[in-house]
Protein backbone atom coordinates (compact mmCIF):
# COMPACT_ATOMS: atom_id res chain seq x y z
CA MET A 1 -20.07 -27.65 -2.05
CA PRO A 2 -18.84 -29.38 -5.20
CA GLY A 3 -18.55 -27.57 -8.45
CA ARG A 4 -16.42 -24.62 -7.38
CA GLY A 5 -13.17 -24.80 -9.28
CA THR A 6 -9.86 -23.09 -9.81
CA HIS A 7 -7.79 -22.89 -12.94
CA GLY A 8 -4.56 -24.86 -12.89
CA PRO A 9 -1.28 -23.87 -14.52
CA GLN A 10 -2.42 -25.17 -17.89
CA GLY A 11 -5.66 -23.19 -17.69
CA TYR A 12 -7.97 -26.15 -17.10
CA GLU A 13 -10.51 -25.98 -14.31
CA ARG A 14 -9.97 -28.06 -11.19
CA ARG A 15 -12.51 -28.72 -8.49
CA SER A 16 -11.49 -27.65 -5.00
CA GLU A 17 -11.92 -31.16 -3.62
CA ASP A 18 -9.32 -32.38 -6.16
CA LEU A 19 -6.60 -30.12 -4.71
CA THR A 20 -3.95 -31.60 -2.46
CA ASP A 21 -3.44 -30.18 1.02
CA ASP A 22 -0.26 -28.44 -0.19
CA GLU A 23 -2.12 -26.90 -3.13
CA ARG A 24 -4.87 -25.66 -0.80
CA ARG A 25 -2.28 -24.12 1.55
CA ASN A 26 -0.50 -22.47 -1.38
CA LEU A 27 -3.77 -21.14 -2.76
CA ALA A 28 -4.76 -19.73 0.65
CA ALA A 29 -1.32 -18.14 1.14
CA SER A 30 -1.43 -16.63 -2.36
CA PHE A 31 -4.88 -15.20 -1.71
CA GLN A 32 -3.76 -13.79 1.64
CA ARG A 33 -0.73 -12.10 0.07
CA ALA A 34 -2.86 -10.63 -2.72
CA ALA A 35 -5.49 -9.36 -0.25
CA VAL A 36 -2.89 -7.80 2.06
CA ASP A 37 -1.10 -6.24 -0.94
CA ALA A 38 -4.40 -4.68 -2.03
CA VAL A 39 -5.14 -3.33 1.47
CA MET A 40 -1.64 -1.88 1.80
CA LEU A 41 -1.79 -0.30 -1.66
CA LYS A 42 -5.11 1.39 -0.85
CA LEU A 43 -3.89 2.44 2.59
CA GLY A 44 -0.78 3.99 1.05
CA ARG A 45 -2.91 5.91 -1.45
CA ALA A 46 -5.25 7.09 1.32
CA LEU A 47 -2.32 8.28 3.46
CA ASP A 48 -0.81 10.12 0.51
CA ARG A 49 -4.16 11.75 -0.30
CA PHE A 50 -4.66 12.74 3.33
CA ALA A 51 -1.23 14.40 3.43
CA GLU A 52 -1.99 16.20 0.16
CA LEU A 53 -5.31 17.56 1.43
CA ALA A 54 -4.35 18.23 5.05
CA GLY A 55 -0.89 19.56 4.34
CA GLU A 56 0.59 17.22 6.94
CA PRO A 57 1.02 13.47 7.27
CA CYS A 58 -1.54 11.29 8.96
CA ARG A 59 -0.41 10.43 12.48
CA ALA A 60 -2.66 7.44 13.17
CA VAL A 61 -4.73 4.82 11.41
CA LEU A 62 -7.48 2.89 13.15
CA THR A 63 -8.04 -0.69 12.06
CA GLY A 64 -10.62 -3.10 13.36
CA GLY A 65 -12.35 -6.40 13.14
CA GLY A 66 -11.06 -9.66 11.79
CA VAL A 67 -8.81 -8.04 9.20
CA THR A 68 -6.68 -6.56 11.97
CA ALA A 69 -6.10 -10.04 13.39
CA ASN A 70 -4.29 -11.08 10.20
CA SER A 71 -0.64 -11.57 11.14
CA LEU A 72 0.68 -10.73 7.67
CA LEU A 73 -1.26 -7.45 7.60
CA ARG A 74 -0.07 -6.56 11.09
CA ALA A 75 3.54 -7.27 10.08
CA ARG A 76 3.19 -5.09 6.98
CA LEU A 77 1.72 -2.24 9.06
CA VAL A 78 4.65 -2.48 11.45
CA ALA A 79 7.09 -2.58 8.50
CA MET A 80 5.44 0.59 7.19
CA GLY A 81 6.49 2.26 10.42
CA GLY A 82 3.39 1.69 12.49
CA GLU A 83 3.33 0.98 16.17
CA PRO A 84 0.22 -0.92 17.31
CA ARG A 85 -1.66 0.39 20.32
CA PRO A 86 -4.95 -1.13 21.44
CA ALA A 87 -7.81 1.26 20.81
CA GLY A 88 -10.42 1.85 23.49
CA GLY A 89 -8.72 -0.02 26.30
CA ALA A 90 -8.63 -3.78 26.08
CA ALA A 91 -10.00 -4.18 22.57
CA ALA A 92 -10.96 -7.84 22.47
CA ASP A 93 -12.28 -7.46 18.94
CA GLY A 94 -8.84 -6.57 17.58
CA ARG A 95 -9.32 -2.83 17.16
CA CYS A 96 -5.98 -1.16 17.04
CA ALA A 97 -4.65 2.33 16.42
CA TRP A 98 -1.46 2.42 14.37
CA THR A 99 0.69 5.46 14.77
CA THR A 100 2.58 6.08 11.57
CA ARG A 101 5.98 7.51 10.81
CA ARG A 102 5.52 8.00 7.12
């Protein structure tokens, strides 16, 4: 689908088909990092709010679908102190309960 473009370092618009393979990989990796950062930020805020309202920390977070299959997100959840446990038996769709130690 021609016509979709991105802005290069100098601010000019580039069409996606004009990007090199390395530029496409870098763009995809940058987008992934930004998306995971946003998810983790919102999750952190939600966990803080839960603890504030409940008077105790959240002990588990349930994730699901394609987002849970993202290896960077899974690594960040583990780094946060989570331990993945498949939810509902053999969850082929990627559902996972993360116990937290926050």
